[in-house]
C-alpha atoms as a PDB file:
ATOM      1  CA  UNK A   1      -5.084  11.666 -22.297  1.00  0.00           C
ATOM      2  CA  UNK A   2      -2.204  11.320 -24.702  1.00  0.00           C
ATOM      3  CA  UNK A   3       0.891  12.563 -22.540  1.00  0.00           C
ATOM      4  CA  UNK A   4       3.072  11.803 -25.330  1.00  0.00           C
ATOM      5  CA  UNK A   5       1.883  14.844 -27.367  1.00  0.00           C
ATOM      6  CA  UNK A   6       2.035  17.355 -24.321  1.00  0.00           C
ATOM      7  CA  UNK A   7       3.892  20.579 -24.606  1.00  0.00           C
ATOM      8  CA  UNK A   8       5.222  20.313 -21.002  1.00  0.00           C
ATOM      9  CA  UNK A   9       8.916  21.271 -20.615  1.00  0.00           C
ATOM     10  CA  UNK A  10      11.369  18.240 -20.081  1.00  0.00           C
ATOM     11  CA  UNK A  11      13.172  20.077 -17.505  1.00  0.00           C
ATOM     12  CA  UNK A  12      12.082  22.070 -14.313  1.00  0.00           C
ATOM     13  CA  UNK A  13      11.106  25.710 -15.038  1.00  0.00           C
ATOM     14  CA  UNK A  14      10.947  28.421 -12.395  1.00  0.00           C
ATOM     15  CA  UNK A  15       7.324  29.465 -12.091  1.00  0.00           C
ATOM     16  CA  UNK A  16       5.691  32.523 -10.161  1.00  0.00           C
ATOM     17  CA  UNK A  17       3.714  30.739  -7.781  1.00  0.00           C
ATOM     18  CA  UNK A  18       1.646  34.078  -6.896  1.00  0.00           C
ATOM     19  CA  UNK A  19       0.513  34.256 -10.625  1.00  0.00           C
ATOM     20  CA  UNK A  20      -0.428  30.542 -10.682  1.00  0.00           C
ATOM     21  CA  UNK A  21      -2.415  30.846  -7.648  1.00  0.00           C
ATOM     22  CA  UNK A  22      -4.686  33.488  -9.205  1.00  0.00           C
ATOM     23  CA  UNK A  23      -7.218  30.762 -10.344  1.00  0.00           C
ATOM     24  CA  UNK A  24      -7.550  29.488  -6.816  1.00  0.00           C
ATOM     25  CA  UNK A  25      -6.681  32.273  -4.587  1.00  0.00           C
ATOM     26  CA  UNK A  26      -4.439  29.959  -2.627  1.00  0.00           C
ATOM     27  CA  UNK A  27      -0.841  28.914  -3.247  1.00  0.00           C
ATOM     28  CA  UNK A  28      -1.308  25.795  -1.162  1.00  0.00           C
ATOM     29  CA  UNK A  29      -4.511  24.910  -2.778  1.00  0.00           C
ATOM     30  CA  UNK A  30      -2.797  25.326  -6.137  1.00  0.00           C
ATOM     31  CA  UNK A  31       0.068  22.991  -5.075  1.00  0.00           C
ATOM     32  CA  UNK A  32      -2.373  20.324  -3.766  1.00  0.00           C
ATOM     33  CA  UNK A  33      -4.435  20.344  -7.321  1.00  0.00           C
ATOM     34  CA  UNK A  34      -1.306  20.029  -9.299  1.00  0.00           C
ATOM     35  CA  UNK A  35       0.084  17.260  -6.935  1.00  0.00           C
ATOM     36  CA  UNK A  36      -3.079  15.366  -7.091  1.00  0.00           C
ATOM     37  CA  UNK A  37      -3.220  15.494 -10.868  1.00  0.00           C
ATOM     38  CA  UNK A  38       0.435  14.431 -11.072  1.00  0.00           C
ATOM     39  CA  UNK A  39      -0.327  11.509  -9.023  1.00  0.00           C
ATOM     40  CA  UNK A  40      -3.155  10.499 -11.171  1.00  0.00           C
ATOM     41  CA  UNK A  41      -0.930  10.997 -14.452  1.00  0.00           C
ATOM     42  CA  UNK A  42       1.734   8.988 -12.618  1.00  0.00           C
ATOM     43  CA  UNK A  43      -0.584   6.105 -11.951  1.00  0.00           C
ATOM     44  CA  UNK A  44      -1.821   6.131 -15.707  1.00  0.00           C
ATOM     45  CA  UNK A  45       1.589   6.247 -17.137  1.00  0.00           C
ATOM     46  CA  UNK A  46       2.510   3.247 -14.897  1.00  0.00           C
ATOM     47  CA  UNK A  47      -0.470   1.115 -15.871  1.00  0.00           C
ATOM     48  CA  UNK A  48       0.342   1.867 -19.520  1.00  0.00           C
ATOM     49  CA  UNK A  49       3.934   0.942 -19.191  1.00  0.00           C
ATOM     50  CA  UNK A  50       3.147  -2.274 -17.258  1.00  0.00           C
ATOM     51  CA  UNK A  51       0.629  -3.434 -19.834  1.00  0.00           C
ATOM     52  CA  UNK A  52       3.184  -2.768 -22.564  1.00  0.00           C
ATOM     53  CA  UNK A  53       5.939  -4.737 -20.706  1.00  0.00           C
ATOM     54  CA  UNK A  54       3.508  -7.490 -19.662  1.00  0.00           C
ATOM     55  CA  UNK A  55       3.876  -9.029 -23.247  1.00  0.00           C
ATOM     56  CA  UNK A  56       7.731  -9.484 -22.555  1.00  0.00           C
ATOM     57  CA  UNK A  57       7.352 -11.690 -19.455  1.00  0.00           C
ATOM     58  CA  UNK A  58       8.960 -14.815 -19.765  1.00  0.00           C
ATOM     59  CA  UNK A  59       6.485 -17.880 -19.594  1.00  0.00           C
ATOM     60  CA  UNK A  60       9.161 -20.480 -18.550  1.00  0.00           C
ATOM     61  CA  UNK A  61      10.869 -19.693 -15.146  1.00  0.00           C
ATOM     62  CA  UNK A  62      13.696 -21.774 -16.010  1.00  0.00           C
ATOM     63  CA  UNK A  63      14.889 -19.491 -18.970  1.00  0.00           C
ATOM     64  CA  UNK A  64      17.689 -17.408 -18.647  1.00  0.00           C
ATOM     65  CA  UNK A  65      16.580 -13.727 -18.508  1.00  0.00           C
ATOM     66  CA  UNK A  66      17.731 -11.993 -21.831  1.00  0.00           C
ATOM     67  CA  UNK A  67      17.458  -8.494 -22.913  1.00  0.00           C
ATOM     68  CA  UNK A  68      14.867  -7.725 -25.383  1.00  0.00           C
ATOM     69  CA  UNK A  69      15.419  -4.729 -27.782  1.00  0.00           C
ATOM     70  CA  UNK A  70      11.907  -3.711 -28.086  1.00  0.00           C
ATOM     71  CA  UNK A  71      11.453  -3.964 -24.172  1.00  0.00           C
ATOM     72  CA  UNK A  72      14.446  -1.419 -23.757  1.00  0.00           C
ATOM     73  CA  UNK A  73      12.975   0.854 -26.305  1.00  0.00           C
ATOM     74  CA  UNK A  74       9.662   1.098 -24.705  1.00  0.00           C
ATOM     75  CA  UNK A  75      11.289   1.605 -21.300  1.00  0.00           C
ATOM     76  CA  UNK A  76      13.416   4.457 -22.928  1.00  0.00           C
ATOM     77  CA  UNK A  77      10.579   6.068 -24.468  1.00  0.00           C
ATOM     78  CA  UNK A  78       8.614   6.453 -21.079  1.00  0.00           C
ATOM     79  CA  UNK A  79      11.912   7.607 -19.313  1.00  0.00           C
ATOM     80  CA  UNK A  80      12.064  10.386 -21.783  1.00  0.00           C
ATOM     81  CA  UNK A  81       8.480  11.816 -21.217  1.00  0.00           C
ATOM     82  CA  UNK A  82       8.094  14.884 -19.067  1.00  0.00           C
ATOM     83  CA  UNK A  83       7.578  14.205 -15.382  1.00  0.00           C
ATOM     84  CA  UNK A  84       4.044  14.055 -14.204  1.00  0.00           C
ATOM     85  CA  UNK A  85       4.421  17.153 -12.196  1.00  0.00           C
ATOM     86  CA  UNK A  86       5.604  18.988 -15.352  1.00  0.00           C
ATOM     87  CA  UNK A  87       2.713  17.596 -17.266  1.00  0.00           C
ATOM     88  CA  UNK A  88       0.076  18.452 -14.426  1.00  0.00           C
ATOM     89  CA  UNK A  89       1.530  22.012 -13.954  1.00  0.00           C
ATOM     90  CA  UNK A  90       1.285  22.634 -17.788  1.00  0.00           C
ATOM     91  CA  UNK A  91      -2.254  21.297 -17.738  1.00  0.00           C
ATOM     92  CA  UNK A  92      -3.135  23.698 -14.977  1.00  0.00           C
ATOM     93  CA  UNK A  93      -1.479  26.598 -16.554  1.00  0.00           C
ATOM     94  CA  UNK A  94      -3.652  25.888 -19.713  1.00  0.00           C
ATOM     95  CA  UNK A  95      -6.678  25.747 -17.867  1.00  0.00           C
ATOM     96  CA  UNK A  96      -7.184  22.008 -18.935  1.00  0.00           C
ATOM     97  CA  UNK A  97      -8.078  20.783 -15.337  1.00  0.00           C
ATOM     98  CA  UNK A  98     -11.392  20.724 -13.653  1.00  0.00           C
ATOM     99  CA  UNK A  99     -11.189  21.366  -9.928  1.00  0.00           C
ATOM    100  CA  UNK A 100     -13.560  22.374  -7.254  1.00  0.00           C
ATOM    101  CA  UNK A 101     -13.437  22.955  -3.435  1.00  0.00           C
ATOM    102  CA  UNK A 102     -16.670  21.706  -1.605  1.00  0.00           C
ATOM    103  CA  UNK A 103     -15.800  24.035   1.259  1.00  0.00           C
ATOM    104  CA  UNK A 104     -15.836  27.115  -0.878  1.00  0.00           C
ATOM    105  CA  UNK A 105     -18.869  25.878  -2.893  1.00  0.00           C
ATOM    106  CA  UNK A 106     -20.877  25.230   0.378  1.00  0.00           C
ATOM    107  CA  UNK A 107     -20.027  28.835   1.691  1.00  0.00           C
ATOM    108  CA  UNK A 108     -21.501  30.237  -1.379  1.00  0.00           C
ATOM    109  CA  UNK A 109     -24.652  28.642  -0.924  1.00  0.00           C
ATOM    110  CA  UNK A 110     -24.776  29.566   2.845  1.00  0.00           C
ATOM    111  CA  UNK A 111     -24.512  33.172   1.862  1.00  0.00           C
END
């Protein structure tokens, strides 16, 4: 997914948790879903950033480490992105997340 084009807010927003929990019926399950998605997003962003910054690793260990303008710009860009929890919350609110609870599904089959 392209997190650069997300419409998630850049700052924390107060949310009505009761309204957010309507999809699952449980506030704690909602928080767990958003938390797990935020962890996934965080790992994806970290891998992407490490991949881009790997091009700037020095080949000679004896060289003096110098600041690279492109490296700084890439780092700044990723710092300005919304936090993974904000992106995950926005995805949840826009019904872009697929989630299931195996226990609830099993209970439906038993009934």
